[in-house]
Amino acid sequence: MKPRTSFEDLPAPREVAVISSAESAGVLMKEPRRRILEMALEPISAVEMAERLGEPRQRIGYHVRQLVDAGLLEDVEVSRRGAMIDKRYRASATSYALSPELLGALAARVDSSADRDSAAHLLGAVNEVQADLARVLSARSDPSEGLPTLTLSTHLRFRDANERGAFADALMRALTDVVGRYAAPFADDDGQRPRGGALPPHPHPQPHRAMSDERWTDEREIRISSDPESVWAAWAEPEHVRRWFSDDARGELEEGAELVHEFHGHGEHRYTVSKVDAPKRLVLEGEMDGRAFRQVVEIRREGGSTVLRLVHSGFGPADPDSEIVQGIDSGWTMALAMMKHYVEERFGRTKRSVALFRPARFEYADVLRGRYLDARGLGVWLTDGGAGIDRSTPVRLRLRDGRTLSGSVLALTGHEVSVTWDEVEGVLELKAFGSGPAARVLGVRLVTWSSDEGLVEALTAELDGAVGRLVESLDASRVA
C-alpha cells in the first residue's frame, strides 16, 4: 500500500455496522478491544494505542489483530521506517449494534406475548425492526449507500391512565388513516423496497434516578465539546464556578477543605472536599435540610468530546415522581445545560446575573405549557409578539420593552425552560420550583456574559415587572 501523507482522501467509514455473528460479538466484548475501537474512530497506530492505554505494545498488537480478523478494524496506512513497518488502523464503522439474531430462539419476539400492550410484545417488535435493518444493511453492495428511513422520537407525560389510553386510541386512528392513504400495495416489479415499521411508545427510562430503601440517587451524564481540563475547571474551580453557576464561590480544592457557593439573597451551599483527582474525579460531601449528601463527579475523554458523569446521593427514601425528586431532576438538568453552554461558548468570561422570584400558587404543567412555552401565554406577562418557545425551532420573541430575544432552547424539563439570548450574549431561565412544604416559587433568572456593565440593571426593572404580571395572571385565572 502506498504510504499516505493525509487521510483526507480516505472514504468515510460506515455509519453503523451490525454485528450478527457470535464470533464477532465475542471478539468485541473482551477488553480493551472496545476502548481500542473508540480510539480508532480516527486513524491510529498500535504504538499510539499502547501508549494511551498504558499497556505493552505486544498485548495491544494481539488485540488489534483479533479486531482486524473480525472485520471490526481495518488498516488504512502502511509505511516503512527503516526496518520497521508501521500500520495505522481505523474502526470499520463509527458505531456498532448487536443484532437480536445473536440470541436465536431466546430473543424476544412479537409472538412472545398474546398481549399486544405488554412489554414483551414491544421488545419483540423492536427486535424485529432491528433484525430487518441488519439484513438490509448487510445486503448493500455499497456500504456508503444511504438507507432512507423515518424516525419519530418524543417524550410524553400523561396525567393518568385514562389520558394515556385516549392518546393511544387517537394515535392508532391517525396512523391507520395515514397508512391507508399513502402505503402502496406490495409488488415485486415496481422497483420500490417494501417498508416495515414499528411505533413503540414506552415508559421512558430514567437512568439518572435510582431509588432504594436507604436513599434516592440522581445519576446523569452530559457530553461537552471541550477538553477535560476546561470541564474540570468549570465544575470544580471557584473562579470558574462563579462565572456560570453561583454569584460567588470560594475555597480550596484540597481534601478536608470547605467549598462555598453563594447565591446573593438566596442562601449558600457548603461542601467538604472528600476526594480530589484533577481533572478526573471530585467527591464533595455536605448537609442539606438536615440530611447528609454526597456528590461524585467523574470526567473522561470519549471520542472527540468530554463526558461529565454526576452521582448525587443521600436524599433518603423518595418517590421518583414526587415534587422534590422532580425538582432536583429539573434543577440539575438546567444547571448542567448552563455549564455546557459556558464551557463551549463563554469559557473564561465574567458573568453578570439577576434572579427574580416570587411565591405563587400554581401547577407545574399549567405554568410550563400555559405561560412559558405558549405564544399567547407568554404574551400575558413577558412578550409583545413573536412565536412561542419550541425546542424544534429557533426562538424569536419581542419583549414588551421593544427588545428582541433570539436564540434556541438550552434545556426543557417538566417544570422549567431555559433559552439562549443572542442579543445580550446570555441565557434566560423561566423557572418554577418548590421552596418548602406546600410552598412554590416561580420567576426568571438572567445570565449574561456581555461586557456591557449596565445591561443587567437595565433589564432588571422590565423582568421584575414581567414576573409580577406572571403571578397576577395566575392568581386571576385561579379565581376565574
Protein backbone atom coordinates (compact mmCIF):
# COMPACT_ATOMS: atom_id res chain seq x y z
CA MET A 1 0.00 0.00 0.00
CA LYS A 2 1.32 3.41 -0.92
CA PRO A 3 2.05 5.49 2.23
CA ARG A 4 -0.36 8.32 2.85
CA THR A 5 0.61 11.83 3.90
CA SER A 6 -3.01 12.79 4.55
CA PHE A 7 -6.19 10.92 5.46
CA GLU A 8 -8.47 13.45 3.78
CA ASP A 9 -8.92 11.16 0.76
CA LEU A 10 -9.97 8.18 2.86
CA PRO A 11 -13.53 7.05 2.14
CA ALA A 12 -15.77 7.63 5.14
CA PRO A 13 -16.36 4.57 7.33
CA ARG A 14 -19.80 3.06 7.59
CA GLU A 15 -22.10 4.99 9.88
CA VAL A 16 -23.17 1.82 11.68
CA ALA A 17 -22.17 -1.84 11.48
CA VAL A 18 -24.48 -4.54 12.79
CA ILE A 19 -22.74 -7.49 14.43
CA SER A 20 -24.67 -10.65 13.65
CA SER A 21 -22.17 -13.43 14.40
CA ALA A 22 -21.38 -14.77 17.85
CA GLU A 23 -17.68 -14.86 16.94
CA SER A 24 -17.51 -11.14 16.14
CA ALA A 25 -19.57 -10.28 19.21
CA GLY A 26 -17.19 -12.34 21.35
CA VAL A 27 -14.19 -10.52 19.90
CA LEU A 28 -15.73 -7.13 20.66
CA MET A 29 -16.76 -7.94 24.23
CA LYS A 30 -13.22 -8.55 25.50
CA GLU A 31 -11.35 -5.58 26.96
CA PRO A 32 -9.51 -3.50 25.92
CA ARG A 33 -10.97 -4.02 22.47
CA ARG A 34 -13.92 -1.68 22.91
CA ARG A 35 -11.52 1.08 24.00
CA ILE A 36 -9.30 0.33 21.02
CA LEU A 37 -12.24 0.83 18.65
CA GLU A 38 -13.17 4.09 20.42
CA MET A 39 -9.63 5.40 19.84
CA ALA A 40 -9.67 4.17 16.24
CA LEU A 41 -12.51 6.45 15.16
CA GLU A 42 -9.57 8.36 13.66
CA PRO A 43 -6.53 6.58 12.15
CA ILE A 44 -4.11 5.49 14.87
CA SER A 45 -1.16 3.12 15.20
CA ALA A 46 -0.84 0.23 17.64
CA VAL A 47 2.08 2.06 19.29
CA GLU A 48 -0.12 5.09 19.98
CA MET A 49 -2.89 2.83 21.32
CA ALA A 50 -0.46 1.14 23.71
CA GLU A 51 0.82 4.49 24.96
CA ARG A 52 -2.68 5.83 25.63
CA LEU A 53 -3.81 2.66 27.36
CA GLY A 54 -0.58 2.19 29.30
CA GLU A 55 -0.31 -1.38 28.00
CA PRO A 56 2.61 -3.32 26.40
CA ARG A 57 2.70 -2.93 22.63
CA GLN A 58 2.73 -6.71 22.13
CA ARG A 59 -0.52 -7.13 24.07
CA ILE A 60 -2.25 -4.35 22.15
CA GLY A 61 -0.93 -5.77 18.88
CA TYR A 62 -2.62 -9.10 19.66
CA HIS A 63 -5.98 -7.43 20.29
CA VAL A 64 -5.61 -5.32 17.14
CA ARG A 65 -5.08 -8.48 15.04
CA GLN A 66 -8.20 -10.07 16.55
CA LEU A 67 -10.26 -6.99 15.68
CA VAL A 68 -8.88 -6.88 12.12
CA ASP A 69 -9.68 -10.58 11.60
CA ALA A 70 -13.24 -9.96 12.81
CA GLY A 71 -13.69 -7.08 10.36
CA LEU A 72 -14.12 -4.52 13.14
CA LEU A 73 -10.81 -2.75 12.50
CA GLU A 74 -9.10 -2.05 9.19
CA ASP A 75 -5.60 -0.92 8.30
CA VAL A 76 -5.63 2.31 6.33
CA GLU A 77 -1.90 3.07 6.00
CA VAL A 78 1.27 1.05 5.83
CA SER A 79 4.58 2.88 5.98
CA ARG A 80 8.16 1.79 6.44
CA ARG A 81 10.66 3.44 8.75
CA GLY A 82 13.99 1.72 8.24
CA ALA A 83 13.44 -1.93 9.06
CA MET A 84 10.17 -1.15 10.89
CA ILE A 85 6.73 -1.40 9.29
CA ASP A 86 4.21 0.98 10.82
CA LYS A 87 0.49 0.45 10.30
CA ARG A 88 -2.34 2.76 11.18
CA TYR A 89 -5.81 1.46 11.82
CA ARG A 90 -9.35 2.78 11.77
CA ALA A 91 -12.61 1.35 13.05
CA SER A 92 -14.70 -0.15 10.24
CA ALA A 93 -17.70 1.94 11.39
CA THR A 94 -18.39 4.91 13.63
CA SER A 95 -20.88 2.91 15.70
CA TYR A 96 -21.97 -0.69 16.19
CA ALA A 97 -25.13 -2.57 17.09
CA LEU A 98 -25.63 -6.16 18.21
CA SER A 99 -28.26 -7.99 16.16
CA PRO A 100 -31.11 -9.65 18.12
CA GLU A 101 -30.44 -12.73 15.96
CA LEU A 102 -27.41 -13.42 18.17
CA LEU A 103 -29.84 -14.80 20.76
CA GLY A 104 -31.57 -17.09 18.28
CA ALA A 105 -34.76 -18.59 19.71
CA LEU A 106 -34.12 -16.81 23.02
CA ALA A 107 -34.65 -13.34 21.53
CA ALA A 108 -37.89 -11.53 22.36
CA ARG A 109 -40.41 -11.89 19.51
CA VAL A 110 -43.69 -10.22 18.69
CA ASP A 111 -45.41 -13.54 19.38
CA SER A 112 -43.74 -13.85 22.79
CA SER A 113 -46.93 -12.49 24.34
CA ALA A 114 -50.54 -12.50 23.23
CA ASP A 115 -50.95 -9.15 24.97
CA ARG A 116 -50.15 -6.50 22.36
CA ASP A 117 -49.87 -3.91 25.16
CA SER A 118 -47.21 -5.87 27.04
CA ALA A 119 -43.51 -5.05 27.35
CA ALA A 120 -42.67 -8.47 25.84
CA HIS A 121 -44.62 -7.68 22.67
CA LEU A 122 -43.00 -4.24 22.46
CA LEU A 123 -39.47 -5.65 22.80
CA GLY A 124 -40.28 -8.24 20.18
CA ALA A 125 -41.38 -5.53 17.74
CA VAL A 126 -38.21 -3.54 18.40
CA ASN A 127 -36.09 -6.65 17.81
CA GLU A 128 -37.92 -7.32 14.57
CA VAL A 129 -37.19 -3.80 13.29
CA GLN A 130 -33.51 -4.09 14.27
CA ALA A 131 -33.15 -7.52 12.65
CA ASP A 132 -34.76 -6.25 9.42
CA LEU A 133 -32.40 -3.27 9.33
CA ALA A 134 -29.41 -5.53 9.96
CA ARG A 135 -30.31 -7.73 7.00
CA VAL A 136 -30.84 -4.73 4.69
CA LEU A 137 -27.58 -3.08 5.78
CA SER A 138 -25.63 -6.30 5.29
CA ALA A 139 -27.06 -6.83 1.79
CA ARG A 140 -25.93 -3.44 0.44
CA SER A 141 -23.28 -3.67 -2.25
CA ASP A 142 -22.05 -0.19 -1.38
CA PRO A 143 -21.77 0.38 2.43
CA SER A 144 -21.75 4.16 1.89
CA GLU A 145 -25.14 3.99 0.15
CA GLY A 146 -27.79 5.83 2.12
CA LEU A 147 -30.77 3.94 3.51
CA PRO A 148 -33.95 6.08 3.65
CA THR A 149 -35.73 5.67 6.98
CA LEU A 150 -38.14 7.64 9.12
CA THR A 151 -37.84 8.01 12.88
CA LEU A 152 -40.18 9.81 15.24
CA SER A 153 -38.96 10.42 18.78
CA THR A 154 -40.58 12.38 21.59
CA HIS A 155 -41.19 12.27 25.33
CA LEU A 156 -44.75 12.48 26.66
CA ARG A 157 -46.26 12.77 30.12
CA PHE A 158 -49.88 11.85 30.90
CA ARG A 159 -51.94 12.89 33.90
CA ASP A 160 -53.48 9.44 34.36
CA ALA A 161 -54.21 6.08 32.71
CA ASN A 162 -57.38 7.39 31.05
CA GLU A 163 -55.47 10.17 29.30
CA ARG A 164 -52.81 7.67 28.21
CA GLY A 165 -55.49 5.35 26.78
CA ALA A 166 -57.22 8.19 24.94
CA PHE A 167 -53.89 9.23 23.40
CA ALA A 168 -53.18 5.65 22.26
CA ASP A 169 -56.61 5.35 20.63
CA ALA A 170 -56.24 8.69 18.82
CA LEU A 171 -52.73 7.80 17.65
CA MET A 172 -53.82 4.44 16.24
CA ARG A 173 -56.72 6.05 14.35
CA ALA A 174 -54.38 8.67 12.85
CA LEU A 175 -51.78 6.08 11.86
CA THR A 176 -54.38 3.82 10.27
CA ASP A 177 -55.64 6.74 8.22
CA VAL A 178 -52.15 7.85 7.07
CA VAL A 179 -51.04 4.30 6.20
CA GLY A 180 -54.25 3.70 4.26
CA ARG A 181 -53.81 6.87 2.22
CA TYR A 182 -50.11 6.60 1.36
CA ALA A 183 -48.95 2.97 1.54
CA ALA A 184 -48.72 1.27 -1.87
CA PRO A 185 -49.55 -2.43 -2.35
CA PHE A 186 -46.55 -4.79 -2.21
CA ALA A 187 -45.20 -5.60 -5.64
CA ASP A 188 -42.03 -7.27 -6.86
CA ASP A 189 -41.59 -5.27 -10.05
CA ASP A 190 -42.15 -1.65 -9.01
CA GLY A 191 -38.54 -1.00 -8.04
CA GLN A 192 -39.52 0.01 -4.52
CA ARG A 193 -38.44 -1.80 -1.38
CA PRO A 194 -41.38 -2.70 0.91
CA ARG A 195 -41.36 -0.65 4.08
CA GLY A 196 -41.83 -2.14 7.53
CA GLY A 197 -42.02 -0.37 10.82
CA ALA A 198 -42.98 -0.31 14.46
CA LEU A 199 -44.03 2.65 16.56
CA PRO A 200 -43.19 1.69 20.13
CA PRO A 201 -44.48 4.14 22.75
CA HIS A 202 -42.99 3.05 26.07
CA PRO A 203 -42.30 4.27 29.59
CA HIS A 204 -39.21 6.45 29.33
CA PRO A 205 -36.27 5.02 31.28
CA GLN A 206 -34.78 7.33 33.89
CA PRO A 207 -31.23 6.03 34.41
CA HIS A 208 -30.30 9.04 36.50
CA ARG A 209 -32.95 8.20 39.11
CA ALA A 210 -32.19 5.16 41.22
CA MET A 211 -34.28 4.56 44.34
CA SER A 212 -33.56 2.07 47.11
CA ASP A 213 -34.91 1.57 50.62
CA GLU A 214 -31.98 3.57 52.02
CA ARG A 215 -31.67 6.50 49.66
CA TRP A 216 -32.59 8.04 46.35
CA THR A 217 -29.74 8.76 43.94
CA ASP A 218 -29.60 11.14 40.99
CA GLU A 219 -27.23 9.93 38.26
CA ARG A 220 -26.67 11.59 34.90
CA GLU A 221 -24.12 12.25 32.17
CA ILE A 222 -23.57 15.22 29.88
CA ARG A 223 -21.32 15.40 26.82
CA ILE A 224 -19.37 18.63 26.26
CA SER A 225 -17.38 19.65 23.18
CA SER A 226 -14.23 20.67 25.03
CA ASP A 227 -11.22 19.18 26.79
CA PRO A 228 -11.40 17.54 30.25
CA GLU A 229 -9.29 20.29 31.83
CA SER A 230 -11.80 23.01 30.88
CA VAL A 231 -14.75 20.91 32.06
CA TRP A 232 -12.96 20.26 35.36
CA ALA A 233 -12.24 23.96 35.81
CA ALA A 234 -15.86 24.91 35.17
CA TRP A 235 -17.18 22.33 37.62
CA ALA A 236 -14.59 22.47 40.39
CA GLU A 237 -12.56 25.67 40.46
CA PRO A 238 -14.24 28.57 42.34
CA GLU A 239 -13.06 31.22 39.87
CA HIS A 240 -14.94 29.41 37.10
CA VAL A 241 -17.94 28.25 39.17
CA ARG A 242 -18.85 31.89 39.77
CA ARG A 243 -18.69 32.51 36.01
CA TRP A 244 -21.72 30.30 35.28
CA PHE A 245 -23.34 28.95 38.48
CA SER A 246 -23.27 30.84 41.77
CA ASP A 247 -22.87 34.56 42.45
CA ASP A 248 -19.72 33.86 44.43
CA ALA A 249 -17.55 30.80 45.11
CA ARG A 250 -14.59 30.32 47.42
CA GLY A 251 -12.47 27.60 48.98
CA GLU A 252 -9.59 25.29 48.13
CA LEU A 253 -9.63 22.04 46.16
CA GLU A 254 -7.88 20.07 48.89
CA GLU A 255 -9.15 17.06 50.78
CA GLY A 256 -10.80 18.19 54.00
CA ALA A 257 -11.17 21.80 52.83
CA GLU A 258 -14.51 23.61 52.51
CA LEU A 259 -16.05 24.97 49.30
CA VAL A 260 -18.82 27.57 49.46
CA HIS A 261 -21.16 28.54 46.61
CA GLU A 262 -23.12 31.69 47.48
CA PHE A 263 -26.31 32.95 45.83
CA HIS A 264 -26.96 36.57 46.77
CA GLY A 265 -30.30 36.82 48.53
CA HIS A 266 -30.96 33.10 48.15
CA GLY A 267 -28.57 31.40 50.58
CA GLU A 268 -25.46 29.31 50.01
CA HIS A 269 -24.27 25.73 49.50
CA ARG A 270 -21.41 24.42 51.65
CA TYR A 271 -19.36 21.34 50.77
CA THR A 272 -16.47 19.42 52.29
CA VAL A 273 -13.94 18.15 49.77
CA SER A 274 -13.66 14.39 50.28
CA LYS A 275 -11.58 13.27 47.26
CA VAL A 276 -9.69 15.17 44.55
CA ASP A 277 -8.11 13.66 41.44
CA ALA A 278 -7.89 16.52 38.95
CA PRO A 279 -9.10 16.55 36.22
CA LYS A 280 -10.82 13.17 36.59
CA ARG A 281 -12.76 12.90 39.84
CA LEU A 282 -14.12 15.13 42.60
CA VAL A 283 -16.11 13.96 45.62
CA LEU A 284 -17.94 16.52 47.77
CA GLU A 285 -19.98 15.91 50.91
CA GLY A 286 -22.34 18.16 52.82
CA GLU A 287 -25.70 18.57 54.51
CA MET A 288 -28.96 19.97 53.20
CA ASP A 289 -32.22 20.23 55.15
CA GLY A 290 -30.73 18.09 57.89
CA ARG A 291 -29.71 15.27 55.53
CA ALA A 292 -26.15 14.34 54.60
CA PHE A 293 -25.45 14.08 50.87
CA ARG A 294 -22.57 13.00 48.65
CA GLN A 295 -21.76 14.36 45.19
CA VAL A 296 -19.39 12.44 42.93
CA VAL A 297 -18.28 13.83 39.56
CA GLU A 298 -16.18 11.85 37.10
CA ILE A 299 -14.78 13.38 33.91
CA ARG A 300 -13.45 11.36 30.97
CA ARG A 301 -12.46 11.87 27.37
CA GLU A 302 -14.61 9.87 24.96
CA GLY A 303 -14.29 10.14 21.21
CA GLY A 304 -13.90 13.80 20.32
CA SER A 305 -15.61 15.23 23.39
CA THR A 306 -15.63 15.10 27.19
CA VAL A 307 -18.24 13.30 29.30
CA LEU A 308 -19.10 14.50 32.82
CA ARG A 309 -20.87 11.93 35.00
CA LEU A 310 -22.64 13.14 38.15
CA VAL A 311 -23.88 10.95 41.01
CA HIS A 312 -25.70 12.88 43.74
CA SER A 313 -26.89 10.71 46.64
CA GLY A 314 -28.11 10.90 50.23
CA PHE A 315 -31.65 12.22 49.84
CA GLY A 316 -33.26 9.38 51.78
CA PRO A 317 -36.19 7.25 50.55
CA ALA A 318 -38.23 9.13 47.96
CA ASP A 319 -40.79 8.57 45.24
CA PRO A 320 -39.16 9.32 41.85
CA ASP A 321 -42.39 11.06 40.80
CA SER A 322 -42.60 13.25 43.91
CA GLU A 323 -42.25 17.03 43.70
CA ILE A 324 -38.91 17.08 45.50
CA VAL A 325 -37.36 14.49 43.18
CA GLN A 326 -38.81 16.14 40.09
CA GLY A 327 -37.42 19.45 41.33
CA ILE A 328 -33.92 18.05 41.86
CA ASP A 329 -34.02 16.46 38.42
CA SER A 330 -35.14 19.73 36.82
CA GLY A 331 -32.54 21.75 38.71
CA TRP A 332 -29.64 19.55 37.64
CA THR A 333 -30.86 19.48 34.03
CA MET A 334 -30.95 23.28 33.92
CA ALA A 335 -27.61 23.69 35.72
CA LEU A 336 -25.67 21.24 33.57
CA ALA A 337 -27.09 22.76 30.39
CA MET A 338 -25.84 26.15 31.62
CA MET A 339 -22.40 24.73 32.37
CA LYS A 340 -22.18 23.12 28.93
CA HIS A 341 -23.08 26.47 27.34
CA TYR A 342 -20.43 28.25 29.43
CA VAL A 343 -17.65 25.79 28.57
CA GLU A 344 -18.47 25.62 24.87
CA GLU A 345 -19.40 29.28 24.24
CA ARG A 346 -18.33 31.61 27.09
CA PHE A 347 -15.38 29.97 28.84
CA GLY A 348 -13.32 32.35 30.96
CA ARG A 349 -15.68 35.30 30.58
CA THR A 350 -17.17 37.12 33.58
CA LYS A 351 -20.89 36.69 34.05
CA ARG A 352 -23.48 39.05 35.45
CA SER A 353 -26.84 37.78 36.58
CA VAL A 354 -30.08 38.56 38.34
CA ALA A 355 -32.67 36.17 39.79
CA LEU A 356 -36.22 37.45 40.29
CA PHE A 357 -38.54 35.01 42.07
CA ARG A 358 -41.93 35.29 43.78
CA PRO A 359 -44.06 32.82 45.74
CA ALA A 360 -47.18 31.69 43.89
CA ARG A 361 -49.84 29.02 43.73
CA PHE A 362 -49.68 27.02 40.52
CA GLU A 363 -49.44 23.62 38.86
CA TYR A 364 -46.13 22.99 37.11
CA ALA A 365 -47.67 21.68 33.88
CA ASP A 366 -50.01 24.68 33.64
CA VAL A 367 -47.17 27.18 34.07
CA LEU A 368 -44.82 25.40 31.69
CA ARG A 369 -47.30 24.89 28.87
CA GLY A 370 -49.62 27.83 29.50
CA ARG A 371 -47.14 30.60 30.42
CA TYR A 372 -43.60 29.58 29.45
CA LEU A 373 -43.99 27.83 26.08
CA ASP A 374 -47.28 29.02 24.54
CA ALA A 375 -47.13 32.23 22.49
CA ARG A 376 -50.37 33.65 23.92
CA GLY A 377 -49.37 32.65 27.43
CA LEU A 378 -46.05 34.46 27.06
CA GLY A 379 -47.93 37.48 25.79
CA VAL A 380 -49.80 37.71 29.09
CA TRP A 381 -46.66 38.60 31.02
CA LEU A 382 -43.41 38.76 29.01
CA THR A 383 -43.72 39.38 25.28
CA ASP A 384 -45.38 41.75 22.86
CA GLY A 385 -45.23 39.45 19.89
CA GLY A 386 -43.42 36.52 18.35
CA ALA A 387 -43.92 32.80 18.41
CA GLY A 388 -43.83 30.63 21.47
CA ILE A 389 -40.88 28.57 22.68
CA ASP A 390 -40.40 25.29 20.83
CA ARG A 391 -37.38 23.02 21.13
CA SER A 392 -37.51 22.13 17.43
CA THR A 393 -37.30 25.68 16.08
CA PRO A 394 -35.23 28.83 16.71
CA VAL A 395 -36.62 31.10 19.41
CA ARG A 396 -37.55 34.66 18.45
CA LEU A 397 -39.53 36.79 20.88
CA ARG A 398 -40.30 40.51 21.04
CA LEU A 399 -40.32 41.70 24.64
CA ARG A 400 -42.60 44.44 25.94
CA ASP A 401 -39.75 46.96 26.19
CA GLY A 402 -39.07 46.50 22.46
CA ARG A 403 -36.03 44.25 22.82
CA THR A 404 -35.70 41.13 20.71
CA LEU A 405 -34.79 37.74 22.15
CA SER A 406 -33.25 35.45 19.54
CA GLY A 407 -31.75 32.09 20.38
CA SER A 408 -32.64 28.46 20.96
CA VAL A 409 -33.87 26.18 23.72
CA LEU A 410 -31.00 25.24 26.01
CA ALA A 411 -32.91 22.99 28.43
CA LEU A 412 -36.52 21.91 28.86
CA THR A 413 -37.85 19.93 31.83
CA GLY A 414 -41.28 19.16 33.23
CA HIS A 415 -41.06 22.36 35.30
CA GLU A 416 -38.81 24.90 33.57
CA VAL A 417 -37.17 26.05 30.35
CA SER A 418 -34.02 27.99 29.51
CA VAL A 419 -33.21 29.71 26.21
CA THR A 420 -30.10 31.36 24.86
CA TRP A 421 -30.43 35.12 24.29
CA ASP A 422 -28.08 36.12 21.49
CA GLU A 423 -28.65 39.88 21.71
CA VAL A 424 -27.38 40.06 25.30
CA GLU A 425 -24.86 37.20 24.98
CA GLY A 426 -26.64 35.27 27.66
CA VAL A 427 -29.30 32.84 28.81
CA LEU A 428 -32.80 33.45 30.17
CA GLU A 429 -34.26 30.82 32.51
CA LEU A 430 -38.02 30.65 33.13
CA LYS A 431 -38.11 28.84 36.45
CA ALA A 432 -40.60 27.10 38.78
CA PHE A 433 -39.65 25.11 41.87
CA GLY A 434 -40.64 24.15 45.39
CA SER A 435 -39.22 26.13 48.30
CA GLY A 436 -40.51 24.15 51.28
CA PRO A 437 -43.57 22.22 52.40
CA ALA A 438 -46.59 23.30 50.30
CA ALA A 439 -44.64 26.35 49.02
CA ARG A 440 -43.74 27.07 45.40
CA VAL A 441 -41.80 29.82 43.66
CA LEU A 442 -41.57 30.98 40.06
CA GLY A 443 -39.76 33.68 38.15
CA VAL A 444 -36.81 34.33 35.86
CA ARG A 445 -33.04 34.21 36.03
CA LEU A 446 -30.93 36.17 33.55
CA VAL A 447 -27.27 35.33 33.00
CA THR A 448 -25.17 37.41 30.61
CA TRP A 449 -21.51 37.40 29.64
CA SER A 450 -21.78 40.75 27.84
CA SER A 451 -19.15 43.41 28.51
CA ASP A 452 -21.97 45.96 28.94
CA GLU A 453 -21.83 46.58 32.70
CA GLY A 454 -25.20 48.34 32.77
CA LEU A 455 -27.12 45.66 30.88
CA VAL A 456 -28.37 43.66 33.88
CA GLU A 457 -29.52 46.79 35.69
CA ALA A 458 -31.35 47.97 32.57
CA LEU A 459 -33.16 44.63 32.20
CA THR A 460 -33.96 44.07 35.87
CA ALA A 461 -36.88 46.51 36.07
CA GLU A 462 -38.52 45.05 32.95
CA LEU A 463 -38.07 41.46 34.07
CA ASP A 464 -39.26 42.20 37.60
CA GLY A 465 -42.42 43.74 36.18
CA ALA A 466 -42.86 40.68 33.97
CA VAL A 467 -42.67 38.33 36.96
CA GLY A 468 -45.27 40.45 38.73
CA ARG A 469 -47.60 40.16 35.74
CA LEU A 470 -46.97 36.40 35.65
CA VAL A 471 -48.07 35.93 39.27
CA GLU A 472 -51.08 38.22 38.80
CA SER A 473 -52.23 36.30 35.73
CA LEU A 474 -52.07 33.01 37.63
CA ASP A 475 -53.99 34.48 40.56
CA ALA A 476 -56.65 35.83 38.17
CA SER A 477 -57.03 32.52 36.33
CA ARG A 478 -57.37 30.65 39.61
CA VAL A 479 -60.14 32.99 40.79
CA ALA A 480 -61.91 32.76 37.44
